[in-house]
Protein backbone atom coordinates (compact mmCIF):
# COMPACT_ATOMS: atom_id res chain seq x y z
CA UNK A 1 13.10 11.46 -15.57
CA UNK A 2 16.32 11.69 -17.60
CA UNK A 3 18.84 8.84 -17.05
CA UNK A 4 21.11 11.00 -14.88
CA UNK A 5 18.12 12.18 -12.86
CA UNK A 6 16.91 8.62 -12.39
CA UNK A 7 20.31 7.51 -11.13
CA UNK A 8 20.31 10.35 -8.63
CA UNK A 9 16.84 9.41 -7.38
CA UNK A 10 17.82 5.74 -7.15
CA UNK A 11 20.84 6.72 -5.06
CA UNK A 12 18.72 8.88 -2.75
CA UNK A 13 16.02 6.25 -2.31
CA UNK A 14 18.63 3.62 -1.54
CA UNK A 15 20.05 5.96 1.12
CA UNK A 16 16.58 6.38 2.69
CA UNK A 17 16.26 2.63 3.00
CA UNK A 18 19.81 2.15 4.20
CA UNK A 19 19.29 4.77 6.91
CA UNK A 20 16.28 2.83 8.23
CA UNK A 21 18.24 -0.45 7.89
CA UNK A 22 15.81 -2.04 5.46
CA UNK A 23 18.54 -4.34 4.16
CA UNK A 24 19.49 -5.43 7.67
CA UNK A 25 15.87 -6.13 8.60
CA UNK A 26 15.67 -8.41 5.56
CA UNK A 27 19.16 -9.80 6.18
CA UNK A 28 20.64 -8.81 2.81
CA UNK A 29 23.59 -6.68 1.72
CA UNK A 30 23.65 -3.12 0.45
CA UNK A 31 24.19 -4.24 -3.15
CA UNK A 32 20.97 -6.27 -3.01
CA UNK A 33 19.13 -3.24 -1.66
CA UNK A 34 20.41 -1.05 -4.48
CA UNK A 35 19.47 -3.72 -7.03
CA UNK A 36 15.94 -3.76 -5.61
CA UNK A 37 15.58 0.02 -5.88
CA UNK A 38 17.01 -0.05 -9.42
CA UNK A 39 14.47 -2.69 -10.48
CA UNK A 40 11.68 -0.68 -8.87
CA UNK A 41 12.70 2.31 -10.99
CA UNK A 42 12.73 0.22 -14.17
CA UNK A 43 9.20 -1.01 -13.46
CA UNK A 44 7.54 2.41 -13.38
CA UNK A 45 6.09 3.51 -16.69
CA UNK A 46 6.75 6.95 -18.17
CA UNK A 47 3.21 8.17 -17.58
CA UNK A 48 2.30 11.71 -16.59
CA UNK A 49 1.78 11.17 -12.85
CA UNK A 50 2.21 7.61 -11.55
CA UNK A 51 5.83 7.43 -12.61
CA UNK A 52 9.12 7.00 -10.74
CA UNK A 53 9.09 10.67 -9.69
CA UNK A 54 5.84 9.96 -7.85
CA UNK A 55 7.27 6.78 -6.37
CA UNK A 56 10.27 8.74 -5.12
CA UNK A 57 8.09 11.51 -3.66
CA UNK A 58 5.93 9.03 -1.72
CA UNK A 59 8.92 7.03 -0.47
CA UNK A 60 10.70 10.21 0.59
CA UNK A 61 7.60 11.41 2.44
CA UNK A 62 7.29 8.10 4.28
CA UNK A 63 11.00 8.28 5.18
CA UNK A 64 10.56 11.82 6.55
CA UNK A 65 7.61 10.67 8.69
CA UNK A 66 9.62 7.70 9.96
CA UNK A 67 12.60 9.92 10.77
CA UNK A 68 10.84 12.94 12.26
CA UNK A 69 8.31 10.92 14.27
CA UNK A 70 10.95 8.44 15.50
CA UNK A 71 8.87 5.60 14.13
CA UNK A 72 11.68 3.04 14.38
CA UNK A 73 11.65 3.44 18.15
CA UNK A 74 7.85 3.44 18.25
CA UNK A 75 6.80 0.64 15.92
CA UNK A 76 10.09 -1.15 15.28
CA UNK A 77 12.57 -1.45 12.44
CA UNK A 78 10.70 -4.26 10.68
CA UNK A 79 7.46 -2.28 10.38
CA UNK A 80 9.34 0.76 9.11
CA UNK A 81 11.14 -1.39 6.55
CA UNK A 82 7.81 -2.73 5.31
CA UNK A 83 6.43 0.81 5.06
CA UNK A 84 9.31 1.93 2.85
CA UNK A 85 9.11 -1.17 0.66
CA UNK A 86 5.36 -0.71 0.22
CA UNK A 87 5.83 2.98 -0.56
CA UNK A 88 8.36 2.14 -3.27
CA UNK A 89 6.11 -0.54 -4.76
CA UNK A 90 2.71 1.07 -4.34
CA UNK A 91 2.22 2.15 -8.00
CA UNK A 92 4.51 -0.25 -9.88
CA UNK A 93 3.78 -0.53 -13.60
CA UNK A 94 0.85 1.89 -13.33
CA UNK A 95 -0.62 2.42 -16.83
CA UNK A 96 -1.87 5.92 -16.07
CA UNK A 97 -5.51 4.81 -16.06
CA UNK A 98 -7.96 4.54 -13.18
CA UNK A 99 -9.59 1.43 -11.75
CA UNK A 100 -12.94 2.77 -12.97
CA UNK A 101 -11.64 3.03 -16.53
CA UNK A 102 -10.23 -0.49 -16.38
CA UNK A 103 -13.58 -1.84 -15.21
CA UNK A 104 -15.60 0.07 -17.83
CA UNK A 105 -13.25 -1.03 -20.61
CA UNK A 106 -13.28 -4.67 -19.44
CA UNK A 107 -9.51 -4.63 -19.07
CA UNK A 108 -7.99 -8.05 -18.25
CA UNK A 109 -6.81 -6.73 -14.88
CA UNK A 110 -10.35 -5.73 -13.95
CA UNK A 111 -11.58 -9.15 -15.00
CA UNK A 112 -8.93 -10.85 -12.89
CA UNK A 113 -9.48 -8.71 -9.79
CA UNK A 114 -13.00 -7.57 -8.92
CA UNK A 115 -11.77 -5.01 -6.39
CA UNK A 116 -8.70 -2.75 -6.60
CA UNK A 117 -7.31 -4.27 -9.82
CA UNK A 118 -4.45 -1.78 -10.13
CA UNK A 119 -3.40 -2.20 -6.52
CA UNK A 120 -3.38 -5.98 -6.86
CA UNK A 121 -1.21 -5.56 -9.95
CA UNK A 122 1.24 -3.34 -8.03
CA UNK A 123 1.40 -5.92 -5.23
CA UNK A 124 2.09 -8.77 -7.64
CA UNK A 125 4.80 -6.82 -9.45
CA UNK A 126 6.34 -5.78 -6.13
CA UNK A 127 6.53 -9.37 -4.92
CA UNK A 128 8.20 -10.39 -8.18
CA UNK A 129 10.83 -7.67 -7.84
CA UNK A 130 11.50 -8.54 -4.21
CA UNK A 131 12.12 -12.14 -5.23
CA UNK A 132 14.11 -11.40 -8.40
CA UNK A 133 16.39 -8.93 -6.64
CA UNK A 134 17.09 -11.36 -3.80
CA UNK A 135 15.59 -9.12 -1.13
CA UNK A 136 13.61 -11.95 0.47
CA UNK A 137 15.96 -14.87 -0.10
CA UNK A 138 17.25 -14.89 3.50
CA UNK A 139 13.86 -14.56 5.19
CA UNK A 140 12.18 -17.52 6.82
CA UNK A 141 8.97 -18.66 5.09
CA UNK A 142 6.86 -17.19 7.91
CA UNK A 143 8.72 -13.87 7.83
CA UNK A 144 8.40 -13.68 4.06
CA UNK A 145 4.68 -14.39 4.28
CA UNK A 146 4.35 -11.65 6.89
CA UNK A 147 6.13 -9.18 4.63
CA UNK A 148 3.79 -10.00 1.76
CA UNK A 149 0.69 -9.74 3.98
CA UNK A 150 1.74 -6.37 5.39
CA UNK A 151 2.73 -5.03 1.98
CA UNK A 152 -0.59 -6.12 0.52
CA UNK A 153 -2.56 -4.41 3.27
CA UNK A 154 -0.59 -1.20 2.88
CA UNK A 155 -0.86 -1.02 -0.91
CA UNK A 156 -4.56 -1.92 -0.98
CA UNK A 157 -5.11 1.01 1.39
CA UNK A 158 -3.88 3.36 -1.35
CA UNK A 159 -6.92 2.64 -3.52
CA UNK A 160 -8.91 5.88 -3.39
CA UNK A 161 -12.08 3.80 -3.15
CA UNK A 162 -10.83 2.79 0.31
CA UNK A 163 -9.76 6.28 1.35
CA UNK A 164 -12.76 7.32 3.44
CA UNK A 165 -13.13 4.12 5.48
CA UNK A 166 -9.36 3.92 5.95
CA UNK A 167 -9.22 7.50 7.21
CA UNK A 168 -12.14 6.88 9.56
CA UNK A 169 -10.33 3.89 11.04
CA UNK A 170 -7.14 5.92 11.31
CA UNK A 171 -8.94 8.72 13.16
CA UNK A 172 -10.11 6.23 15.77
CA UNK A 173 -6.51 5.41 16.57
CA UNK A 174 -5.13 8.14 18.77
CA UNK A 175 -1.36 7.84 18.51
CA UNK A 176 -1.08 9.46 21.93
CA UNK A 177 -2.98 6.54 23.44
CA UNK A 178 -1.08 3.75 21.74
CA UNK A 179 0.92 1.48 24.02
CA UNK A 180 3.95 0.71 21.87
CA UNK A 181 4.95 -2.12 24.19
CA UNK A 182 1.88 -4.09 23.15
CA UNK A 183 2.26 -5.98 19.90
CA UNK A 184 -1.40 -5.64 18.95
CA UNK A 185 -1.21 -1.86 19.26
CA UNK A 186 2.00 -1.75 17.24
CA UNK A 187 0.42 -3.77 14.47
CA UNK A 188 -2.62 -1.52 14.55
CA UNK A 189 -0.48 1.54 13.94
CA UNK A 190 1.41 -0.26 11.19
CA UNK A 191 -1.82 -1.21 9.46
CA UNK A 192 -3.04 2.37 9.17
CA UNK A 193 0.07 4.44 8.62
CA UNK A 194 -0.58 4.05 4.82
CA UNK A 195 -3.09 6.87 5.20
CA UNK A 196 -0.01 9.08 4.90
CA UNK A 197 0.36 7.89 1.30
CA UNK A 198 -2.59 10.02 0.27
CA UNK A 199 -0.74 13.22 1.07
CA UNK A 200 1.87 12.55 -1.62
């Protein structure tokens, strides 16, 4: 995107996250939130598909699902915050090549990570941006570890190699039968909402 276009998208994405109180869930200010989104934008390459436009589209779609399905009331503000953060980070620094190509070409990423090398790279870059922007500086060690675990699970689920088994698991979870007052059910929903990512 052109610089003016990028600034507009950064502003919109920051508004999505502010509306869901991502910054309050992580106990940081609005300026920190905007810095995080700005750094996310800077860390998407100008490739044909997995660029910041794609990041914006996925994050916007997740926001719409959260808003229209009243997900904050159903699974809690923290889980919704994690979903938006994972959506924003899910293709960070994507080179525009597939995992299969990386493996066949013996790319260093494929040598470092046997499974889902790109997704592991996105996770690592996302964690770095969260720390550099100050988004996690006010979280307790246990809360920060939980954020990283949840984000990792969500982003790994976006590997197309995991699509079929993830969708099968998701189909077994009938949202109409979920008891949102039970923590284990809430976490189960949170773990499989990333299936929505595939529609972006």
